[in-house]
C-alpha cells in the first residue's frame, strides 16, 4: 500500500495507538492551518467478523480529533447490496459517524461497489469511475475543496483600544493640539455645536494615542478533556450505534447509563482541573479571580456587525411577517364601525371646586403621589 502526493503539499504520516489486524491502512495529515486527515484502507476479501468492531474503534479514535476527514480504499464490502448483513452493518456504522459515502456505481469488473470514498466536513466533487486497465478494480477520481471552513466556531471579533500607562499623559497634549488647530471661534457656536466639537476633539486625540485595533481572541479550549473522557465518549458512541442497530429497550437503557457515566466523568475531570489551578495559585489573587470569572461568566456570543444590509434584512423580515399575518386574517362579514355610537363633545365649561372634589373622591387610585396633599388648591 502506497500514497503518492505532490511536493507542494505538506503531509505528515501518523499512526494509530493500536494495530488493526483485520485491515491495512495508511494515514497522514494534510496541511497545517486547517488539517485534513487522509486515510487509505485495504480490507482483504476474506470474511472477518471482527472487522466492524476494529473499524468502529478506529473511527472513534480519529473522528473527535479532526474536523475534516477523508477515507478511501478497497473495503471489499458490497455496499451496492444493502440487504446483506455485512453491508447493512457497515453502512449503519458509517452513518453513525456522519460520514458520507460518495461512490454510487460499480468499481469492479463483476459489477459490485467495493472501492469507497468516505468524507466528513469535505465536499467531494466531480467523482468519476474510470475504466479498468491493469486490475479488476476501476480507478475512482474525484476533487475535494481543501479551502472549506472548519466546523469549529470562530472566536468573537471586536474593536478595542490598548490603554497603556503613558496613554493618559499623551492624551492632554494631543487634545490641546487638536483644539488649537480648530480655526472656528467658540463665540459663534451654539451648545450643540460646541458639544459636537468637543466630542470630535476627544475622539481624534484617542485615535492618535490609542487607535482602534481589531481584537480577535483565541477560542478557549477544554483542557479537562483527556484520554479518560475520550474513552468514556467512545463507549457512548458504541452504545449509541448498538441501539440504532437493534432498537431494543435494553440497549437504550445501556445508552442512557453510558451518557450519565460520561457526564459524571467530565464533571469530575473539570473539577480536578480547576482545583489544581486554585491550589497552585493560592497567593495569586489575579489568577484566582480570572479562573472564577471564567467559570461563572460564560463567553459572549459573536455579535453581528451593524450595516445597512443587515438593517434592511431586519426591516424586510418584520414587514413580510406582518403582511403574512394580515393576509391570513379573513375580513369580517359586516362593518363594525356602523354599530358604534361615538360620543361627541360640543360644549365645555369651567370646572368648579365641588365637581372636582366629587370626581377625585370617587377614584380608587390617586393620580398623584401618596405624599402629595389631596386638597385641590
Protein backbone atom coordinates (compact mmCIF):
# COMPACT_ATOMS: atom_id res chain seq x y z
CA UNK A 1 0.00 0.00 0.00
CA UNK A 2 1.42 3.39 -1.02
CA UNK A 3 0.35 7.03 -1.03
CA UNK A 4 1.80 9.41 -3.64
CA UNK A 5 1.42 13.20 -3.30
CA UNK A 6 2.97 16.32 -4.79
CA UNK A 7 5.83 18.04 -3.03
CA UNK A 8 3.74 21.23 -2.83
CA UNK A 9 1.52 19.63 -0.18
CA UNK A 10 2.62 19.47 3.43
CA UNK A 11 1.94 15.92 4.58
CA UNK A 12 2.90 14.16 7.79
CA UNK A 13 2.40 10.44 8.26
CA UNK A 14 0.81 9.36 11.54
CA UNK A 15 -0.10 6.05 13.16
CA UNK A 16 -2.81 4.63 15.42
CA UNK A 17 -2.44 3.83 19.08
CA UNK A 18 -3.35 0.20 18.30
CA UNK A 19 -2.68 -2.19 15.45
CA UNK A 20 -5.78 -3.16 13.42
CA UNK A 21 -5.44 -6.79 12.46
CA UNK A 22 -8.43 -7.10 10.13
CA UNK A 23 -7.41 -4.41 7.61
CA UNK A 24 -4.43 -2.36 6.46
CA UNK A 25 -4.28 1.41 6.46
CA UNK A 26 -2.01 4.36 5.78
CA UNK A 27 -2.77 7.69 7.49
CA UNK A 28 -1.32 11.15 7.02
CA UNK A 29 -2.25 14.73 7.90
CA UNK A 30 -2.56 17.16 5.00
CA UNK A 31 -1.89 20.85 5.67
CA UNK A 32 -1.03 22.76 8.83
CA UNK A 33 -3.55 25.57 9.49
CA UNK A 34 -6.66 23.53 8.53
CA UNK A 35 -5.55 19.92 8.89
CA UNK A 36 -7.25 17.18 6.86
CA UNK A 37 -6.84 13.57 7.94
CA UNK A 38 -6.43 11.35 4.88
CA UNK A 39 -6.59 7.56 5.23
CA UNK A 40 -6.12 4.78 2.68
CA UNK A 41 -7.72 1.47 3.71
CA UNK A 42 -7.45 -2.03 2.30
CA UNK A 43 -9.57 -4.85 3.69
CA UNK A 44 -8.81 -8.39 2.44
CA UNK A 45 -11.78 -10.11 0.79
CA UNK A 46 -11.75 -12.95 3.31
CA UNK A 47 -14.59 -12.62 5.86
CA UNK A 48 -13.52 -11.40 9.28
CA UNK A 49 -16.22 -10.99 11.92
CA UNK A 50 -14.06 -8.62 13.99
CA UNK A 51 -13.65 -6.05 11.20
CA UNK A 52 -16.63 -3.89 12.17
CA UNK A 53 -15.57 -3.68 15.82
CA UNK A 54 -11.99 -2.76 14.94
CA UNK A 55 -13.08 -0.26 12.29
CA UNK A 56 -15.51 1.24 14.83
CA UNK A 57 -12.66 1.71 17.32
CA UNK A 58 -10.60 3.28 14.55
CA UNK A 59 -13.33 5.83 13.75
CA UNK A 60 -13.95 6.52 17.45
CA UNK A 61 -10.28 7.42 17.84
CA UNK A 62 -9.88 9.76 14.83
CA UNK A 63 -13.28 11.47 14.48
CA UNK A 64 -13.19 13.55 17.71
CA UNK A 65 -9.73 14.88 16.80
CA UNK A 66 -10.35 16.18 13.26
CA UNK A 67 -12.90 18.45 11.66
CA UNK A 68 -12.21 17.17 8.13
CA UNK A 69 -11.62 13.51 7.31
CA UNK A 70 -11.17 11.66 4.03
CA UNK A 71 -11.13 7.84 3.96
CA UNK A 72 -10.65 5.99 0.67
CA UNK A 73 -9.75 2.45 -0.30
CA UNK A 74 -10.82 -1.05 -1.20
CA UNK A 75 -13.16 -2.29 1.54
CA UNK A 76 -14.32 -5.44 -0.30
CA UNK A 77 -17.84 -4.89 1.06
CA UNK A 78 -20.78 -5.00 -1.34
CA UNK A 79 -22.38 -1.68 -0.36
CA UNK A 80 -24.40 -1.93 -3.56
CA UNK A 81 -26.35 -4.72 -1.82
CA UNK A 82 -27.58 -3.04 1.39
CA UNK A 83 -29.75 -6.06 2.28
CA UNK A 84 -26.70 -8.16 3.09
CA UNK A 85 -25.89 -8.17 6.84
CA UNK A 86 -22.24 -7.14 6.40
CA UNK A 87 -23.10 -4.23 4.09
CA UNK A 88 -26.02 -3.09 6.26
CA UNK A 89 -23.96 -3.06 9.45
CA UNK A 90 -21.11 -1.26 7.71
CA UNK A 91 -23.40 1.46 6.30
CA UNK A 92 -25.02 1.93 9.72
CA UNK A 93 -21.59 2.33 11.26
CA UNK A 94 -20.56 4.91 8.65
CA UNK A 95 -23.82 6.81 9.12
CA UNK A 96 -23.43 6.90 12.92
CA UNK A 97 -20.20 8.90 12.50
CA UNK A 98 -21.83 11.27 9.96
CA UNK A 99 -19.53 10.07 7.19
CA UNK A 100 -20.73 10.49 3.60
CA UNK A 101 -20.17 7.68 1.08
CA UNK A 102 -19.89 9.25 -2.39
CA UNK A 103 -19.36 6.27 -4.73
CA UNK A 104 -22.62 5.11 -6.27
CA UNK A 105 -21.55 2.98 -9.28
CA UNK A 106 -19.74 -0.33 -9.77
CA UNK A 107 -15.99 -0.21 -9.17
CA UNK A 108 -15.19 -3.83 -10.02
CA UNK A 109 -15.49 -5.84 -13.20
CA UNK A 110 -18.20 -8.07 -11.71
CA UNK A 111 -20.44 -5.02 -11.13
CA UNK A 112 -20.05 -4.51 -7.38
CA UNK A 113 -19.21 -1.33 -5.45
CA UNK A 114 -16.14 -2.23 -3.40
CA UNK A 115 -13.96 0.91 -3.58
CA UNK A 116 -15.39 3.69 -1.41
CA UNK A 117 -14.83 7.38 -0.71
CA UNK A 118 -15.88 8.38 2.82
CA UNK A 119 -15.72 12.05 3.78
CA UNK A 120 -16.58 14.25 6.75
CA UNK A 121 -16.50 18.05 6.50
CA UNK A 122 -15.22 17.88 2.90
CA UNK A 123 -17.32 18.27 -0.28
CA UNK A 124 -16.50 15.54 -2.80
CA UNK A 125 -16.91 16.92 -6.34
CA UNK A 126 -16.63 15.62 -9.91
CA UNK A 127 -16.42 11.94 -8.91
CA UNK A 128 -15.69 9.72 -11.91
CA UNK A 129 -15.21 5.96 -12.19
CA UNK A 130 -12.77 5.21 -15.00
CA UNK A 131 -12.23 2.01 -16.94
CA UNK A 132 -10.12 -0.83 -15.55
CA UNK A 133 -6.76 -1.32 -17.29
CA UNK A 134 -4.23 -3.07 -15.05
CA UNK A 135 -6.58 -4.51 -12.38
CA UNK A 136 -10.08 -5.89 -11.96
CA UNK A 137 -10.86 -2.73 -9.89
CA UNK A 138 -11.63 0.59 -11.58
CA UNK A 139 -9.88 3.84 -10.63
CA UNK A 140 -12.07 6.38 -8.83
CA UNK A 141 -11.17 10.03 -9.48
CA UNK A 142 -12.67 12.98 -7.59
CA UNK A 143 -11.98 16.53 -6.39
CA UNK A 144 -12.16 17.91 -2.87
CA UNK A 145 -12.17 21.54 -1.77
CA UNK A 146 -9.50 21.99 0.89
CA UNK A 147 -10.37 25.67 1.44
CA UNK A 148 -13.70 24.98 3.12
CA UNK A 149 -14.47 26.40 6.53
CA UNK A 150 -13.81 24.33 9.61
CA UNK A 151 -16.53 23.15 11.93
CA UNK A 152 -15.08 24.89 14.98
CA UNK A 153 -16.82 28.19 15.81
CA UNK A 154 -14.79 31.33 15.33
CA UNK A 155 -13.83 33.44 18.28
CA UNK A 156 -15.78 36.73 18.66
CA UNK A 157 -14.19 39.71 16.91
CA UNK A 158 -14.36 43.24 18.32
CA UNK A 159 -12.59 46.57 18.15
CA UNK A 160 -10.82 47.98 21.17
CA UNK A 161 -8.18 50.43 22.34
CA UNK A 162 -4.95 49.43 24.05
CA UNK A 163 -4.66 51.68 27.12
CA UNK A 164 -1.12 51.93 28.49
CA UNK A 165 0.23 53.89 31.49
CA UNK A 166 1.55 56.53 29.06
CA UNK A 167 -1.82 56.97 27.32
CA UNK A 168 -3.20 59.47 29.87
CA UNK A 169 -0.03 61.60 29.73
CA UNK A 170 -0.12 61.66 25.91
CA UNK A 171 -3.83 62.47 25.70
CA UNK A 172 -3.63 66.05 27.02
CA UNK A 173 -1.00 67.33 24.50
CA UNK A 174 -2.86 65.65 21.63
CA UNK A 175 -6.14 67.21 22.72
CA UNK A 176 -4.55 70.68 23.01
CA UNK A 177 -3.02 70.41 19.54
CA UNK A 178 -6.35 69.49 18.02
CA UNK A 179 -8.16 72.25 19.91
CA UNK A 180 -5.61 74.87 18.80
CA UNK A 181 -5.77 73.73 15.19
CA UNK A 182 -9.53 74.33 15.14
CA UNK A 183 -9.98 77.72 13.45
CA UNK A 184 -13.66 78.12 14.31
CA UNK A 185 -14.46 80.63 17.05
CA UNK A 186 -16.33 79.29 20.05
CA UNK A 187 -18.35 82.52 20.30
CA UNK A 188 -20.16 81.78 17.04
CA UNK A 189 -21.20 78.23 18.05
CA UNK A 190 -24.26 77.16 19.96
CA UNK A 191 -24.40 74.46 22.65
CA UNK A 192 -24.92 71.53 20.24
CA UNK A 193 -22.05 72.60 18.02
CA UNK A 194 -19.71 73.06 21.00
CA UNK A 195 -20.58 69.59 22.31
CA UNK A 196 -20.02 68.06 18.88
CA UNK A 197 -16.65 69.84 18.54
CA UNK A 198 -15.55 68.65 21.99
CA UNK A 199 -16.53 65.07 21.19
CA UNK A 200 -14.70 65.22 17.87
CA UNK A 201 -11.56 66.54 19.57
CA UNK A 202 -11.64 63.80 22.23
CA UNK A 203 -12.18 61.09 19.61
CA UNK A 204 -9.35 62.46 17.46
CA UNK A 205 -6.98 62.59 20.42
CA UNK A 206 -7.86 59.00 21.37
CA UNK A 207 -7.29 57.85 17.78
CA UNK A 208 -3.79 59.32 17.99
CA UNK A 209 -2.69 57.97 21.38
CA UNK A 210 -4.77 54.75 21.41
CA UNK A 211 -6.12 53.90 17.95
CA UNK A 212 -8.84 51.32 17.45
CA UNK A 213 -7.48 47.86 16.72
CA UNK A 214 -9.15 44.66 15.64
CA UNK A 215 -9.03 42.21 18.56
CA UNK A 216 -9.52 38.56 17.70
CA UNK A 217 -9.43 36.47 20.88
CA UNK A 218 -8.39 32.87 20.61
CA UNK A 219 -11.17 30.31 21.12
CA UNK A 220 -10.99 28.73 24.55
CA UNK A 221 -10.02 25.08 24.61
CA UNK A 222 -11.27 22.44 27.01
CA UNK A 223 -8.15 21.18 28.78
CA UNK A 224 -10.06 18.84 31.07
CA UNK A 225 -10.85 16.54 28.11
CA UNK A 226 -8.23 13.79 28.28
CA UNK A 227 -7.83 10.10 27.50
CA UNK A 228 -10.26 9.12 30.28
CA UNK A 229 -13.07 11.30 28.93
CA UNK A 230 -12.37 10.24 25.35
CA UNK A 231 -12.59 6.57 26.36
CA UNK A 232 -15.95 7.22 28.04
CA UNK A 233 -17.15 9.06 24.94
CA UNK A 234 -16.14 6.11 22.75
CA UNK A 235 -18.24 3.84 24.96
CA UNK A 236 -21.20 6.20 24.47
CA UNK A 237 -20.78 6.12 20.70
CA UNK A 238 -20.60 2.31 20.72
CA UNK A 239 -23.75 2.11 22.84
CA UNK A 240 -25.48 4.58 20.52
CA UNK A 241 -24.61 2.56 17.41
CA UNK A 242 -25.78 -0.63 19.11
CA UNK A 243 -29.13 0.99 20.00
CA UNK A 244 -29.56 2.36 16.45
CA UNK A 245 -28.97 -1.13 15.14
CA UNK A 246 -31.41 -3.20 17.24
CA UNK A 247 -33.74 -0.53 18.79
CA UNK A 248 -34.13 -2.62 21.94
CA UNK A 249 -35.18 -1.21 25.29
CA UNK A 250 -32.19 -2.84 27.00
CA UNK A 251 -29.65 -1.18 24.71
CA UNK A 252 -31.46 2.13 25.16
CA UNK A 253 -31.01 1.84 28.94
CA UNK A 254 -27.33 0.99 28.38
CA UNK A 255 -27.00 4.11 26.23
CA UNK A 256 -28.58 6.29 28.94
CA UNK A 257 -26.30 4.82 31.59
CA UNK A 258 -23.21 5.38 29.43
CA UNK A 259 -24.20 9.02 28.87
CA UNK A 260 -24.65 9.52 32.63
CA UNK A 261 -21.26 7.95 33.21
CA UNK A 262 -19.65 10.18 30.58
CA UNK A 263 -21.20 13.33 32.04
CA UNK A 264 -20.08 12.44 35.56
CA UNK A 265 -16.54 11.74 34.35
CA UNK A 266 -16.38 15.08 32.55
CA UNK A 267 -17.63 16.87 35.68
CA UNK A 268 -15.00 15.16 37.85
CA UNK A 269 -12.20 15.96 35.39
CA UNK A 270 -13.36 19.55 35.17
CA UNK A 271 -13.45 19.85 38.97
CA UNK A 272 -10.00 18.32 39.20
CA UNK A 273 -8.64 20.73 36.59
CA UNK A 274 -9.92 23.87 38.35
CA UNK A 275 -8.95 22.51 41.77
CA UNK A 276 -5.35 22.17 40.62
CA UNK A 277 -5.35 25.75 39.31
CA UNK A 278 -6.81 27.13 42.55
CA UNK A 279 -4.50 25.12 44.83
CA UNK A 280 -1.38 26.10 42.87
CA UNK A 281 -2.29 29.83 42.78
CA UNK A 282 -3.44 30.49 46.35
CA UNK A 283 -1.15 33.53 46.61
CA UNK A 284 -2.11 34.95 43.21
CA UNK A 285 -5.48 36.69 43.51
CA UNK A 286 -5.37 37.86 39.90
CA UNK A 287 -5.19 34.29 38.58
CA UNK A 288 -7.88 33.15 41.02
CA UNK A 289 -10.26 35.94 40.01
CA UNK A 290 -9.70 35.20 36.31
CA UNK A 291 -10.34 31.49 36.84
CA UNK A 292 -13.51 32.00 38.88
CA UNK A 293 -14.77 34.63 36.43
CA UNK A 294 -14.27 32.17 33.56
CA UNK A 295 -16.33 29.57 35.42
CA UNK A 296 -19.20 31.87 36.39
CA UNK A 297 -19.45 34.12 33.34
CA UNK A 298 -19.92 32.36 30.03
CA UNK A 299 -18.25 33.97 26.99
CA UNK A 300 -20.31 36.39 24.94
CA UNK A 301 -21.65 35.24 21.61
CA UNK A 302 -20.38 36.72 18.39
CA UNK A 303 -22.34 39.86 17.54
CA UNK A 304 -23.40 40.73 14.01
CA UNK A 305 -21.66 43.85 12.80
CA UNK A 306 -24.15 46.62 12.09
CA UNK A 307 -24.54 47.57 8.44
CA UNK A 308 -27.15 48.92 6.06
CA UNK A 309 -27.68 45.47 4.57
CA UNK A 310 -28.36 43.90 7.97
CA UNK A 311 -30.82 46.68 8.87
CA UNK A 312 -32.65 46.24 5.56
CA UNK A 313 -32.93 42.48 6.12
CA UNK A 314 -34.22 43.09 9.65
CA UNK A 315 -36.83 45.55 8.34
CA UNK A 316 -37.94 43.31 5.46
CA UNK A 317 -38.31 40.35 7.80
CA UNK A 318 -40.86 42.13 10.01
CA UNK A 319 -42.64 43.75 7.06
CA UNK A 320 -43.09 40.34 5.44
CA UNK A 321 -44.19 38.85 8.75
CA UNK A 322 -46.88 41.50 9.27
CA UNK A 323 -48.03 41.15 5.64
CA UNK A 324 -48.33 37.39 6.07
CA UNK A 325 -50.36 37.79 9.27
CA UNK A 326 -52.69 40.32 7.66
CA UNK A 327 -53.18 38.09 4.62
CA UNK A 328 -54.12 35.15 6.85
CA UNK A 329 -56.85 37.16 8.67
CA UNK A 330 -60.19 36.90 6.88
CA UNK A 331 -62.17 40.17 6.61
CA UNK A 332 -65.33 40.45 8.81
CA UNK A 333 -68.74 39.86 7.29
CA UNK A 334 -70.03 43.25 8.48
CA UNK A 335 -68.63 46.71 9.10
CA UNK A 336 -68.25 47.14 12.90
CA UNK A 337 -67.98 50.92 12.61
CA UNK A 338 -71.65 51.23 11.69
CA UNK A 339 -72.98 49.94 15.03
CA UNK A 340 -70.62 52.03 17.16
CA UNK A 341 -72.15 55.22 18.61
CA UNK A 342 -69.42 57.78 19.15
CA UNK A 343 -69.84 60.45 21.81
CA UNK A 344 -69.19 63.96 20.52
CA UNK A 345 -68.24 66.76 22.90
CA UNK A 346 -69.76 70.04 21.73
CA UNK A 347 -69.73 72.30 24.80
CA UNK A 348 -67.08 72.86 27.50
CA UNK A 349 -67.40 74.81 30.76
CA UNK A 350 -65.17 75.71 33.67
CA UNK A 351 -64.72 73.12 36.43
CA UNK A 352 -66.00 74.11 39.84
CA UNK A 353 -64.38 73.16 43.13
CA UNK A 354 -67.32 70.96 44.19
CA UNK A 355 -67.30 68.96 40.92
CA UNK A 356 -63.54 68.48 41.13
CA UNK A 357 -63.79 67.19 44.73
CA UNK A 358 -66.61 64.88 43.66
CA UNK A 359 -64.53 63.39 40.83
CA UNK A 360 -61.39 62.92 42.91
CA UNK A 361 -63.28 61.35 45.82
CA UNK A 362 -64.62 58.54 43.60
CA UNK A 363 -61.21 57.50 42.22
CA UNK A 364 -59.80 54.25 43.59
CA UNK A 365 -56.16 55.09 42.77
CA UNK A 366 -54.98 58.66 43.10
CA UNK A 367 -53.28 60.15 40.02
CA UNK A 368 -50.73 61.88 42.29
CA UNK A 369 -48.17 60.54 44.77
CA UNK A 370 -49.44 59.47 48.19
CA UNK A 371 -47.43 62.14 49.98
CA UNK A 372 -48.96 64.83 47.74
CA UNK A 373 -51.75 66.78 49.56
CA UNK A 374 -55.24 65.86 48.45
CA UNK A 375 -56.53 69.42 48.79
CA UNK A 376 -57.19 70.66 45.22
CA UNK A 377 -55.86 74.19 45.89
